[in-house]
Protein backbone atom coordinates (compact mmCIF):
# COMPACT_ATOMS: atom_id res chain seq x y z
CA UNK A 1 0.04 0.10 -0.05
CA UNK A 2 1.27 3.12 -0.96
CA UNK A 3 2.10 6.50 1.43
CA UNK A 4 -1.15 8.13 -0.44
CA UNK A 5 -3.46 5.25 -0.08
CA UNK A 6 -2.84 4.66 3.88
CA UNK A 7 -3.25 8.57 4.07
CA UNK A 8 -6.14 8.34 2.83
CA UNK A 9 -7.85 5.06 4.45
CA UNK A 10 -6.81 6.64 7.64
CA UNK A 11 -8.36 9.80 7.31
CA UNK A 12 -11.92 7.29 6.44
CA UNK A 13 -11.27 5.74 9.06
CA UNK A 14 -10.95 8.90 11.30
CA UNK A 15 -13.71 10.66 10.12
CA UNK A 16 -15.86 7.23 10.88
CA UNK A 17 -14.81 7.64 14.58
CA UNK A 18 -16.34 11.26 14.85
CA UNK A 19 -13.17 12.98 14.70
CA UNK A 20 -13.40 16.51 13.39
CA UNK A 21 -10.91 18.16 11.73
CA UNK A 22 -8.60 20.23 14.48
CA UNK A 23 -8.61 16.37 15.89
CA UNK A 24 -7.53 14.79 13.05
CA UNK A 25 -4.97 17.37 12.51
CA UNK A 26 -3.89 16.60 15.77
CA UNK A 27 -4.01 13.02 15.22
CA UNK A 28 -1.72 13.41 12.12
CA UNK A 29 0.80 15.54 13.40
CA UNK A 30 1.79 12.70 15.82
CA UNK A 31 1.45 9.91 13.19
CA UNK A 32 3.29 11.27 10.48
CA UNK A 33 6.92 10.80 11.92
CA UNK A 34 8.12 13.22 9.41
CA UNK A 35 5.53 16.21 11.03
CA UNK A 36 6.73 14.60 14.08
CA UNK A 37 10.37 15.56 13.92
CA UNK A 38 9.40 19.06 12.50
CA UNK A 39 7.44 19.74 15.21
CA UNK A 40 9.84 18.07 18.55
CA UNK A 41 13.34 17.45 16.93
CA UNK A 42 15.74 20.34 15.79
CA UNK A 43 19.01 19.79 14.08
CA UNK A 44 21.88 20.24 15.11
CA UNK A 45 22.04 24.54 14.00
CA UNK A 46 18.76 24.32 16.85
CA UNK A 47 16.30 24.52 13.41
CA UNK A 48 13.20 22.05 13.07
CA UNK A 49 14.07 18.80 11.59
CA UNK A 50 13.63 18.47 7.34
CA UNK A 51 13.03 15.49 5.82
CA UNK A 52 15.22 15.04 2.93
CA UNK A 53 12.92 14.17 -0.20
CA UNK A 54 14.58 10.83 -0.01
CA UNK A 55 14.07 10.01 3.60
CA UNK A 56 10.03 10.34 3.27
CA UNK A 57 9.08 6.32 2.26
CA UNK A 58 11.55 5.01 4.80
CA UNK A 59 11.00 7.00 7.68
CA UNK A 60 7.01 7.16 7.42
CA UNK A 61 7.40 2.70 6.90
CA UNK A 62 5.30 0.59 8.86
CA UNK A 63 7.06 -2.93 7.57
CA UNK A 64 7.35 -5.57 10.02
CA UNK A 65 10.51 -6.03 8.15
CA UNK A 66 13.21 -3.33 6.64
CA UNK A 67 16.30 -3.54 5.59
CA UNK A 68 18.52 -0.19 4.66
CA UNK A 69 21.82 -1.02 2.30
CA UNK A 70 23.41 2.66 2.03
CA UNK A 71 26.78 4.40 1.89
CA UNK A 72 28.29 6.88 5.11
CA UNK A 73 26.73 9.99 5.59
CA UNK A 74 23.21 9.54 4.09
CA UNK A 75 21.43 10.14 7.24
CA UNK A 76 20.49 6.69 8.78
CA UNK A 77 21.34 7.78 12.86
CA UNK A 78 18.94 10.54 12.63
CA UNK A 79 16.50 8.18 11.37
CA UNK A 80 17.06 6.13 13.64
CA UNK A 81 16.97 9.09 16.54
CA UNK A 82 13.75 9.68 15.40
CA UNK A 83 11.94 5.96 15.20
CA UNK A 84 12.65 6.22 19.16
CA UNK A 85 11.71 9.14 19.72
CA UNK A 86 8.42 8.80 17.88
CA UNK A 87 7.97 5.21 19.51
CA UNK A 88 8.56 6.45 23.21
CA UNK A 89 5.81 8.78 22.30
CA UNK A 90 3.41 7.23 20.42
CA UNK A 91 4.14 2.88 22.14
CA UNK A 92 3.27 2.75 25.60
CA UNK A 93 4.14 -0.62 27.25
CA UNK A 94 6.47 -1.69 24.69
CA UNK A 95 10.17 -1.88 24.43
CA UNK A 96 12.82 -1.67 21.95
CA UNK A 97 16.35 -2.82 21.47
CA UNK A 98 19.15 -1.09 19.15
CA UNK A 99 21.74 -3.39 18.59
CA UNK A 100 24.89 -3.26 17.51
CA UNK A 101 28.13 -5.46 17.21
CA UNK A 102 30.95 -3.35 19.07
CA UNK A 103 30.70 -0.57 21.44
CA UNK A 104 32.52 1.85 18.92
CA UNK A 105 29.09 1.83 16.94
CA UNK A 106 26.73 1.58 19.89
CA UNK A 107 27.55 4.77 22.33
CA UNK A 108 27.85 7.72 19.58
CA UNK A 109 24.04 6.62 18.75
CA UNK A 110 23.07 5.95 22.58
CA UNK A 111 24.83 9.36 23.83
CA UNK A 112 23.06 11.08 21.39
CA UNK A 113 19.33 9.76 21.81
CA UNK A 114 20.73 10.82 26.17
CA UNK A 115 21.41 14.20 25.30
CA UNK A 116 18.16 13.86 23.02
CA UNK A 117 15.92 13.00 25.86
CA UNK A 118 17.14 14.77 28.51
CA UNK A 119 17.05 18.33 26.48
CA UNK A 120 13.74 17.82 24.68
CA UNK A 121 11.21 19.98 26.69
CA UNK A 122 8.46 17.54 25.16
CA UNK A 123 10.65 14.18 26.28
CA UNK A 124 12.41 15.14 29.65
CA UNK A 125 9.41 15.05 31.81
CA UNK A 126 8.64 11.50 30.86
CA UNK A 127 12.24 10.02 31.06
CA UNK A 128 11.76 8.27 34.83
CA UNK A 129 14.94 6.34 34.69
CA UNK A 130 18.39 6.66 32.50
CA UNK A 131 20.95 3.85 32.98
CA UNK A 132 24.18 3.46 31.08
CA UNK A 133 25.95 0.89 32.93
CA UNK A 134 26.53 -2.44 32.31
CA UNK A 135 24.15 -1.59 29.44
CA UNK A 136 22.39 1.45 28.05
CA UNK A 137 18.24 1.54 29.78
CA UNK A 138 15.51 4.27 29.07
CA UNK A 139 12.15 4.20 31.12
CA UNK A 140 9.81 6.77 30.46
CA UNK A 141 6.79 7.09 32.52
CA UNK A 142 4.21 5.33 29.85
CA UNK A 143 5.70 2.16 30.47
CA UNK A 144 8.13 2.46 27.58
CA UNK A 145 11.40 1.03 27.30
CA UNK A 146 14.91 0.89 25.47
CA UNK A 147 17.58 -0.51 25.09
CA UNK A 148 20.59 -0.28 24.08
CA UNK A 149 23.41 -3.58 23.75
CA UNK A 150 26.37 -4.29 22.20
CA UNK A 151 26.34 -8.25 21.29
CA UNK A 152 29.32 -9.62 23.62
CA UNK A 153 31.04 -13.08 23.01
CA UNK A 154 28.36 -14.77 20.99
CA UNK A 155 25.66 -12.64 20.88
CA UNK A 156 25.19 -13.47 24.65
CA UNK A 157 24.23 -9.89 25.47
CA UNK A 158 20.28 -10.56 23.67
CA UNK A 159 20.21 -13.73 25.47
CA UNK A 160 16.78 -13.14 28.15
CA UNK A 161 15.59 -10.37 26.10
CA UNK A 162 11.91 -9.64 24.52
CA UNK A 163 11.03 -6.58 23.05
CA UNK A 164 8.56 -5.53 20.27
CA UNK A 165 10.72 -3.71 17.91
CA UNK A 166 14.52 -4.16 16.93
CA UNK A 167 17.23 -1.61 15.56
CA UNK A 168 20.71 -2.99 14.47
CA UNK A 169 22.87 -0.67 13.72
CA UNK A 170 26.23 -1.04 11.51
CA UNK A 171 24.21 -4.77 10.63
CA UNK A 172 27.43 -5.36 8.48
CA UNK A 173 29.78 -6.34 11.12
CA UNK A 174 27.16 -8.59 13.50
CA UNK A 175 28.52 -12.15 13.39
CA UNK A 176 26.40 -15.35 12.97
CA UNK A 177 25.99 -15.91 16.54
CA UNK A 178 25.02 -12.70 17.14
CA UNK A 179 22.42 -12.73 14.98
CA UNK A 180 21.36 -16.43 16.19
CA UNK A 181 20.75 -14.86 19.51
CA UNK A 182 18.96 -11.68 18.60
CA UNK A 183 16.68 -13.47 16.25
CA UNK A 184 15.29 -15.20 19.61
CA UNK A 185 15.02 -11.64 21.34
CA UNK A 186 11.70 -10.48 19.37
CA UNK A 187 8.35 -10.83 20.27
CA UNK A 188 5.72 -12.10 17.70
CA UNK A 189 4.76 -9.60 15.40
CA UNK A 190 7.57 -7.35 16.18
CA UNK A 191 9.59 -5.55 14.10
CA UNK A 192 13.54 -5.38 12.92
CA UNK A 193 14.49 -2.83 10.98
CA UNK A 194 18.17 -3.44 9.86
CA UNK A 195 20.84 -0.40 8.72
CA UNK A 196 24.60 -1.27 7.54
CA UNK A 197 27.40 -0.26 5.08
CA UNK A 198 28.18 -3.25 3.32
CA UNK A 199 32.04 -4.81 3.38
CA UNK A 200 31.74 -7.19 0.92
CA UNK A 201 30.71 -9.93 3.12
CA UNK A 202 28.37 -12.77 2.19
CA UNK A 203 27.07 -12.80 5.85
CA UNK A 204 23.39 -12.49 7.00
CA UNK A 205 23.05 -8.59 7.25
CA UNK A 206 24.17 -9.72 2.80
CA UNK A 207 21.55 -12.30 2.81
CA UNK A 208 18.98 -9.88 4.44
CA UNK A 209 19.68 -7.07 1.55
CA UNK A 210 18.00 -9.96 -0.72
CA UNK A 211 14.53 -10.38 1.02
CA UNK A 212 11.74 -10.03 -0.80
CA UNK A 213 9.41 -10.17 2.48
CA UNK A 214 11.57 -7.18 3.40
CA UNK A 215 11.24 -3.40 2.45
CA UNK A 216 14.88 -2.62 0.73
CA UNK A 217 16.33 0.47 0.68
CA UNK A 218 19.60 1.82 -0.77
CA UNK A 219 21.00 5.22 -0.23
CA UNK A 220 24.15 5.75 -1.49
CA UNK A 221 26.03 9.01 -0.03
CA UNK A 222 25.77 11.23 -3.11
CA UNK A 223 21.98 12.13 -2.12
CA UNK A 224 23.19 13.70 1.04
CA UNK A 225 22.70 17.54 -0.03
CA UNK A 226 26.33 18.37 1.08
CA UNK A 227 27.92 15.60 -0.93
CA UNK A 228 29.80 17.66 -3.47
CA UNK A 229 32.09 17.04 -6.42
CA UNK A 230 34.86 17.62 -4.87
CA UNK A 231 34.21 15.15 -1.99
CA UNK A 232 33.52 13.00 -4.57
CA UNK A 233 36.80 13.28 -6.50
CA UNK A 234 38.51 13.18 -2.68
CA UNK A 235 37.29 9.69 -1.90
CA UNK A 236 37.85 8.06 -5.01
CA UNK A 237 41.22 9.03 -4.62
CA UNK A 238 41.44 7.84 -1.42
CA UNK A 239 39.53 3.97 -1.59
CA UNK A 240 41.81 4.00 -5.18
CA UNK A 241 39.20 4.47 -7.93
CA UNK A 242 35.37 4.42 -8.07
CA UNK A 243 35.89 1.04 -8.88
CA UNK A 244 37.77 0.07 -5.27
CA UNK A 245 36.17 -2.31 -3.13
CA UNK A 246 36.18 0.54 -0.47
CA UNK A 247 34.62 3.01 -3.20
CA UNK A 248 32.01 0.81 -3.74
CA UNK A 249 30.57 -0.06 -0.08
CA UNK A 250 31.17 3.15 1.60
CA UNK A 251 30.26 5.64 -1.37
CA UNK A 252 27.59 3.84 -3.51
CA UNK A 253 26.24 1.59 -0.59
CA UNK A 254 26.40 -1.39 -2.52
CA UNK A 255 27.84 -4.91 -2.19
CA UNK A 256 30.73 -5.18 -5.09
CA UNK A 257 32.84 -8.15 -5.70
CA UNK A 258 32.69 -10.88 -2.72
CA UNK A 259 34.92 -10.32 0.24
CA UNK A 260 36.41 -12.38 3.05
CA UNK A 261 36.39 -11.58 6.43
CA UNK A 262 40.28 -11.91 8.06
CA UNK A 263 39.99 -12.42 11.78
CA UNK A 264 36.85 -14.21 13.37
CA UNK A 265 35.32 -12.22 15.40
CA UNK A 266 33.84 -14.47 18.09
CA UNK A 267 37.60 -16.07 18.23
CA UNK A 268 38.89 -12.46 18.96
CA UNK A 269 36.40 -11.94 21.78
CA UNK A 270 37.64 -15.03 23.41
CA UNK A 271 40.76 -13.35 23.62
CA UNK A 272 39.55 -9.91 25.36
CA UNK A 273 39.86 -10.32 28.86
CA UNK A 274 37.06 -8.16 30.84
CA UNK A 275 39.25 -8.15 33.71
CA UNK A 276 41.94 -6.18 32.40
CA UNK A 277 42.12 -2.28 32.90
CA UNK A 278 41.83 -0.06 29.12
CA UNK A 279 45.54 0.66 29.13
CA UNK A 280 45.43 3.49 25.32
CA UNK A 281 47.12 6.47 26.07
CA UNK A 282 45.69 9.14 23.21
CA UNK A 283 48.63 11.88 22.90
CA UNK A 284 48.37 14.95 19.82
CA UNK A 285 51.76 16.30 19.67
CA UNK A 286 51.54 19.28 22.84
CA UNK A 287 51.16 16.29 24.99
CA UNK A 288 53.80 15.33 27.86
CA UNK A 289 54.66 11.61 27.47
CA UNK A 290 56.54 10.62 30.79
CA UNK A 291 58.12 6.17 30.41
CA UNK A 292 55.73 4.50 32.61
CA UNK A 293 56.42 3.31 35.62
CA UNK A 294 56.48 0.25 37.57
CA UNK A 295 57.01 -1.70 34.71
CA UNK A 296 57.40 -5.54 35.57
CA UNK A 297 60.72 -7.16 34.05
CA UNK A 298 60.04 -9.55 31.63
CA UNK A 299 60.28 -10.20 27.71
CA UNK A 300 58.56 -7.19 25.92
CA UNK A 301 57.82 -6.25 22.44
CA UNK A 302 56.72 -2.94 20.74
CA UNK A 303 55.00 -3.26 16.98
CA UNK A 304 54.38 0.13 15.68
CA UNK A 305 52.46 1.78 12.56
CA UNK A 306 53.28 5.12 11.96
CA UNK A 307 51.04 7.83 10.71
CA UNK A 308 51.38 11.84 9.61
CA UNK A 309 49.19 14.09 9.45
CA UNK A 310 45.09 12.14 8.92
CA UNK A 311 46.72 8.83 10.06
CA UNK A 312 47.26 8.33 13.45
CA UNK A 313 50.02 6.62 14.79
CA UNK A 314 49.77 3.38 17.00
CA UNK A 315 52.37 1.75 19.34
CA UNK A 316 51.05 -1.64 20.47
CA UNK A 317 53.31 -3.49 23.86
CA UNK A 318 53.26 -6.74 24.39
CA UNK A 319 54.77 -8.87 27.04
CA UNK A 320 55.65 -12.90 26.98
CA UNK A 321 54.01 -15.10 29.09
CA UNK A 322 54.68 -18.04 27.80
CA UNK A 323 52.16 -19.68 26.31
CA UNK A 324 50.02 -16.39 25.95
CA UNK A 325 51.29 -13.15 24.71
CA UNK A 326 49.89 -10.07 26.67
CA UNK A 327 48.86 -6.67 25.60
CA UNK A 328 49.61 -3.95 28.12
CA UNK A 329 49.94 -0.75 26.84
CA UNK A 330 48.60 1.23 23.68
CA UNK A 331 50.04 4.05 22.74
CA UNK A 332 48.13 6.21 20.05
CA UNK A 333 49.35 9.40 18.53
CA UNK A 334 46.99 11.90 16.60
CA UNK A 335 48.95 14.56 14.18
CA UNK A 336 52.32 14.24 15.39
CA UNK A 337 55.88 14.50 13.73
CA UNK A 338 58.44 11.86 12.67
CA UNK A 339 60.90 13.23 15.46
CA UNK A 340 58.12 12.70 18.18
CA UNK A 341 57.75 9.44 16.62
CA UNK A 342 60.83 8.52 17.10
CA UNK A 343 60.88 10.03 20.68
CA UNK A 344 58.05 7.89 21.70
CA UNK A 345 59.40 4.60 20.80
CA UNK A 346 63.01 5.53 22.91
CA UNK A 347 60.24 6.40 25.80
CA UNK A 348 58.41 3.35 25.45
CA UNK A 349 62.03 1.44 25.26
CA UNK A 350 63.50 3.37 28.53
CA UNK A 351 61.00 1.08 30.30
CA UNK A 352 60.32 -1.81 29.15
CA UNK A 353 63.48 -2.72 27.22
CA UNK A 354 62.38 -4.07 24.15
CA UNK A 355 63.19 -7.28 22.89
CA UNK A 356 62.75 -6.24 19.33
CA UNK A 357 60.63 -3.65 17.47
CA UNK A 358 58.68 -3.72 14.46
CA UNK A 359 57.80 -0.51 12.30
CA UNK A 360 55.67 -1.16 9.33
CA UNK A 361 57.97 0.88 6.70
CA UNK A 362 55.80 2.88 4.95
CA UNK A 363 57.11 6.13 3.97
CA UNK A 364 56.75 7.46 7.99
CA UNK A 365 58.23 3.90 9.33
CA UNK A 366 61.12 3.76 7.06
CA UNK A 367 62.48 7.11 8.21
CA UNK A 368 62.33 6.85 11.87
CA UNK A 369 63.84 3.32 11.46
CA UNK A 370 66.64 5.12 9.73
CA UNK A 371 67.25 7.45 12.86
CA UNK A 372 66.74 5.39 15.47
CA UNK A 373 69.08 2.35 13.85
CA UNK A 374 71.90 5.27 13.55
CA UNK A 375 72.00 5.43 17.14
CA UNK A 376 73.87 2.24 17.19
CA UNK A 377 74.61 -1.21 16.66
CA UNK A 378 71.64 -2.24 19.24
CA UNK A 379 69.42 -0.18 18.07
CA UNK A 380 70.50 -2.16 14.49
CA UNK A 381 69.62 -5.39 16.21
CA UNK A 382 66.30 -4.84 17.55
CA UNK A 383 64.89 -2.48 15.46
CA UNK A 384 62.99 -4.15 12.52
CA UNK A 385 61.50 -2.48 9.32
CA UNK A 386 59.10 -4.05 7.45
CA UNK A 387 58.16 -3.98 4.14
CA UNK A 388 54.59 -5.41 4.10
CA UNK A 389 54.73 -6.02 0.25
CA UNK A 390 57.82 -7.80 0.93
CA UNK A 391 58.98 -11.88 0.30
CA UNK A 392 60.26 -13.76 3.72
CA UNK A 393 62.01 -17.31 3.35
CA UNK A 394 60.90 -18.02 6.95
CA UNK A 395 60.38 -21.79 7.18
CA UNK A 396 62.03 -25.04 5.33
CA UNK A 397 60.04 -27.30 3.31
CA UNK A 398 60.29 -31.13 3.79
CA UNK A 399 62.95 -31.04 1.04
CA UNK A 400 65.60 -28.22 2.47
CA UNK A 401 64.28 -25.73 -0.09
CA UNK A 402 63.16 -22.25 1.56
CA UNK A 403 59.45 -21.63 1.70
CA UNK A 404 58.77 -17.97 0.85
CA UNK A 405 55.87 -15.72 2.36
CA UNK A 406 54.31 -12.37 1.91
CA UNK A 407 55.58 -10.39 4.41
CA UNK A 408 51.53 -8.56 5.05
CA UNK A 409 50.05 -12.45 4.62
CA UNK A 410 52.64 -14.83 7.13
CA UNK A 411 52.20 -11.53 10.18
CA UNK A 412 48.69 -11.85 9.19
CA UNK A 413 48.71 -15.77 9.94
CA UNK A 414 50.45 -15.29 13.05
CA UNK A 415 47.73 -13.39 14.06
CA UNK A 416 44.93 -15.54 13.29
CA UNK A 417 46.79 -18.40 14.80
CA UNK A 418 47.36 -16.71 18.02
CA UNK A 419 43.52 -15.66 18.08
CA UNK A 420 42.43 -19.53 17.32
CA UNK A 421 44.53 -20.29 19.88
CA UNK A 422 42.84 -17.94 22.34
CA UNK A 423 46.64 -17.40 23.41
CA UNK A 424 46.60 -13.88 22.71
CA UNK A 425 45.39 -11.83 26.13
CA UNK A 426 44.04 -8.16 25.21
CA UNK A 427 42.22 -5.92 27.66
CA UNK A 428 39.13 -4.23 26.28
CA UNK A 429 39.49 -1.65 23.79
CA UNK A 430 36.19 -0.58 21.32
CA UNK A 431 38.92 0.60 18.79
CA UNK A 432 40.81 -2.68 18.18
CA UNK A 433 37.57 -4.41 18.27
CA UNK A 434 35.72 -2.17 15.74
CA UNK A 435 39.04 -2.57 13.60
CA UNK A 436 39.25 -6.13 13.53
CA UNK A 437 35.41 -6.74 13.26
CA UNK A 438 35.64 -5.12 9.48
CA UNK A 439 39.00 -6.09 8.04
CA UNK A 440 38.74 -8.33 4.96
CA UNK A 441 40.45 -9.43 2.27
CA UNK A 442 39.82 -10.67 -1.47
CA UNK A 443 42.04 -12.56 -3.89
CA UNK A 444 42.76 -11.48 -7.54
CA UNK A 445 43.16 -13.60 -10.43
CA UNK A 446 46.77 -14.19 -9.70
CA UNK A 447 45.76 -15.89 -6.39
CA UNK A 448 47.39 -12.95 -4.03
CA UNK A 449 45.71 -12.06 -1.40
CA UNK A 450 44.68 -8.76 -1.05
CA UNK A 451 43.68 -6.85 2.10
CA UNK A 452 40.68 -3.92 2.42
CA UNK A 453 43.25 -0.77 2.98
CA UNK A 454 40.82 0.75 5.30
CA UNK A 455 41.21 1.26 9.17
CA UNK A 456 43.46 -0.81 10.25
CA UNK A 457 46.47 1.35 12.37
CA UNK A 458 45.71 -0.82 15.12
CA UNK A 459 46.21 -4.51 13.45
CA UNK A 460 49.20 -3.41 11.32
CA UNK A 461 50.77 -2.63 14.72
CA UNK A 462 49.60 -5.99 15.67
CA UNK A 463 51.39 -7.49 13.06
CA UNK A 464 54.52 -6.12 13.27
CA UNK A 465 54.54 -7.14 17.35
CA UNK A 466 53.66 -10.88 16.92
CA UNK A 467 56.53 -10.94 13.71
CA UNK A 468 58.81 -9.72 16.21
CA UNK A 469 57.83 -12.02 18.76
CA UNK A 470 57.94 -14.92 15.80
CA UNK A 471 61.68 -13.43 14.56
CA UNK A 472 62.44 -13.76 18.23
CA UNK A 473 61.73 -16.84 19.64
CA UNK A 474 61.52 -18.98 16.72
CA UNK A 475 62.73 -17.67 13.66
CA UNK A 476 65.47 -18.53 11.96
CA UNK A 477 68.74 -16.72 13.50
CA UNK A 478 71.76 -15.71 11.61
CA UNK A 479 74.37 -13.56 13.17
CA UNK A 480 72.51 -11.19 15.96
CA UNK A 481 69.12 -11.66 18.36
CA UNK A 482 66.48 -10.53 16.68
CA UNK A 483 68.05 -10.35 12.73
CA UNK A 484 65.50 -10.93 9.91
CA UNK A 485 65.38 -14.00 8.53
CA UNK A 486 66.16 -13.43 3.86
CA UNK A 487 63.50 -10.80 2.91
CA UNK A 488 63.95 -10.02 -0.87
CA UNK A 489 62.82 -6.68 -1.64
CA UNK A 490 63.00 -5.85 1.56
CA UNK A 491 64.08 -2.17 1.48
């Protein structure tokens, strides 16, 4: 049924119930979500919220199943916000769940809703309970309840829930085990609305976008009035062209060629120890940074992915607690120069006395590695500038011939092995979880694995740290501690 025919049907029913023109107007101001948003919700400039033409049909939908497969920055979050506000007014004695896989996806949305509920005069008086921990929970005076939860390991956080409306954001990241628990958390006759940006995986989200019994929407980023030709050209350059997977997924909102998940998110979550405290330090150019105090003596390894200007720099410190490797510190630098990156490595080394230091030998990393190596023989023995595109001879075949492996592929294998064996111990870190959840790869015509170039700075630092540990403990030895195996095209 079209929106127009639905409106005509509702007008006839309202007249039959004896509502006069004024009463019908008030009813429509509440029932039409576009009118509701214009009356009760303001945009970031404080003006009444205006529906973009392409948003109207989706916002007014009454479908039990709805799936959005969109590009970035098209207004999905705004729609979820409006729906939650509308439901708290019009759906008394019911419950809604907003679900995501990762905390990084959930927190900005729920924090935005909390501010909206508390700062809007029409909503604030009815908010009787707000909890942020252990999960988001809002209760209103009409007994409408709104939950906000991440999936947790194997969807455990959805167990025991029974809601009337599910809203799933960043659905492309949800694990299969998370979906299986989420299905059972919806009451009979309830609504499930799904929003995601494709990542190439042929997973449950992909299958949902093919379901004929669900309303389907595809909003490319170009629909946003603020999307300019200049921004389109910049994104095309960053993603490597308009045919590149990143552009097809995040700008066009299309699935593109099939991709594969690099890591099992269930294995990753099994390696996260909730009892460990968050150990992330975020520093900018002017922020002081002293060597950590009270470091327990042991065997430590440092992995570095160095950026400049827009890209952050990530430093990951691991302790060898055989058979485990424990992540004991993460330092993130934002917008710093080479000298600050070098000084940070020196500062960390004074505290941890690293057995080996691995640096991604991009343009930034190569410069920092050369500066450290110039300081003396000890640094030369411990610093490894790792060319991710190189070929390594890391093992011997049964016939004695060397086995050659692409460096990035081999380092990824070390990570995958540790995760599957559960011998990596990680503190809770929403940034890292989001990166591991979204990391994908494709296989080209020559059979070469190509990893998605995106938000993977933490993963690259982890790759470097684990490779250094491999070199120091199991790798082939030559003339000194931590020397590299034979590499083709290392610099």
